[in-house]
Amino acid sequence: MSDAKILLHHLVPEHQIVRKEEEEEILRKLKAKKDELPKIRKSDPVLRVLESAYGTIEEGTLIRILRESETAGMSVAYRVVVRG
């Protein structure tokens, strides 16, 4: 499977890079600090595809993950990019 096709797989949720301007507001709403959020490795296949489209994704960048949910409609989660 080519890298770009990974994003089209039905089991891979949508991943979005959060703009720096949005981060503070998101963290305030979550009542959390970045180091308290779940992590996503820079080597994750989805991040590699995002980097090929948008350029380098720095460690510490916030990633929004959108999943369709039968009960919630749309579930939103956040991950912080870490080395690896």
Protein backbone atom coordinates (compact mmCIF):
# COMPACT_ATOMS: atom_id res chain seq x y z
CA MET A 1 0.00 0.00 0.00
CA SER A 2 1.47 3.36 -0.98
CA ASP A 3 1.94 5.93 1.75
CA ALA A 4 -0.80 8.23 0.45
CA LYS A 5 -3.30 5.37 0.34
CA ILE A 6 -2.87 4.89 4.10
CA LEU A 7 -5.03 7.97 4.64
CA LEU A 8 -7.82 6.45 2.55
CA HIS A 9 -8.06 3.20 4.52
CA HIS A 10 -11.39 2.92 6.33
CA LEU A 11 -9.73 2.10 9.66
CA VAL A 12 -7.44 5.17 9.65
CA PRO A 13 -9.14 8.21 11.18
CA GLU A 14 -8.58 11.71 9.85
CA HIS A 15 -5.46 13.40 11.26
CA GLN A 16 -5.03 17.18 11.23
CA ILE A 17 -2.11 19.37 12.24
CA VAL A 18 -3.31 21.90 14.82
CA ARG A 19 -2.18 25.46 14.15
CA LYS A 20 -0.05 27.05 16.90
CA GLU A 21 -2.74 29.73 17.33
CA GLU A 22 -5.30 27.04 18.31
CA GLU A 23 -3.12 25.08 20.75
CA GLU A 24 -3.54 27.31 23.80
CA GLU A 25 -7.33 27.39 23.47
CA ILE A 26 -7.52 23.60 23.05
CA LEU A 27 -5.31 22.96 26.06
CA ARG A 28 -7.39 25.39 28.13
CA LYS A 29 -10.63 23.62 27.15
CA LEU A 30 -9.08 20.23 27.96
CA LYS A 31 -7.65 21.61 31.23
CA ALA A 32 -4.41 19.87 30.37
CA LYS A 33 -0.78 20.53 29.55
CA LYS A 34 0.85 19.15 26.42
CA ASP A 35 2.95 16.67 28.40
CA GLU A 36 -0.27 15.18 29.85
CA LEU A 37 -1.72 14.32 26.44
CA PRO A 38 -1.24 11.00 24.63
CA LYS A 39 1.72 10.85 22.27
CA ILE A 40 2.16 10.01 18.60
CA ARG A 41 5.60 9.12 17.25
CA LYS A 42 7.11 11.16 14.45
CA SER A 43 7.68 7.85 12.63
CA ASP A 44 3.95 7.03 12.58
CA PRO A 45 2.95 6.24 8.97
CA VAL A 46 0.19 8.86 8.97
CA LEU A 47 2.61 11.56 10.15
CA ARG A 48 5.05 10.60 7.40
CA VAL A 49 2.30 11.16 4.83
CA LEU A 50 1.31 14.48 6.42
CA GLU A 51 4.96 15.58 6.31
CA SER A 52 5.20 14.74 2.63
CA ALA A 53 2.17 16.98 2.02
CA TYR A 54 2.77 19.83 4.50
CA GLY A 55 6.48 19.75 5.32
CA THR A 56 8.34 18.93 8.53
CA ILE A 57 6.21 18.32 11.61
CA GLU A 58 8.15 19.38 14.69
CA GLU A 59 8.19 17.50 17.98
CA GLY A 60 5.64 19.05 20.31
CA THR A 61 3.14 19.70 17.50
CA LEU A 62 -0.47 18.95 18.39
CA ILE A 63 -2.35 16.55 16.11
CA ARG A 64 -6.17 16.39 16.04
CA ILE A 65 -7.64 12.96 15.29
CA LEU A 66 -11.25 12.73 14.14
CA ARG A 67 -13.07 9.40 14.38
CA GLU A 68 -16.63 8.61 13.44
CA SER A 69 -18.49 7.13 16.39
CA GLU A 70 -21.86 5.42 16.44
CA THR A 71 -22.63 6.87 19.87
CA ALA A 72 -20.91 10.28 19.79
CA GLY A 73 -21.23 11.07 16.08
CA MET A 74 -17.71 12.45 15.83
CA SER A 75 -15.01 11.79 18.40
CA VAL A 76 -12.10 14.23 18.65
CA ALA A 77 -8.78 13.27 20.25
CA TYR A 78 -5.43 15.03 20.46
CA ARG A 79 -1.88 13.66 20.37
CA VAL A 80 1.48 15.35 20.81
CA VAL A 81 4.25 14.51 18.33
CA VAL A 82 7.28 12.92 20.01
CA ARG A 83 10.60 11.61 18.71
CA GLY A 84 10.68 8.11 17.36
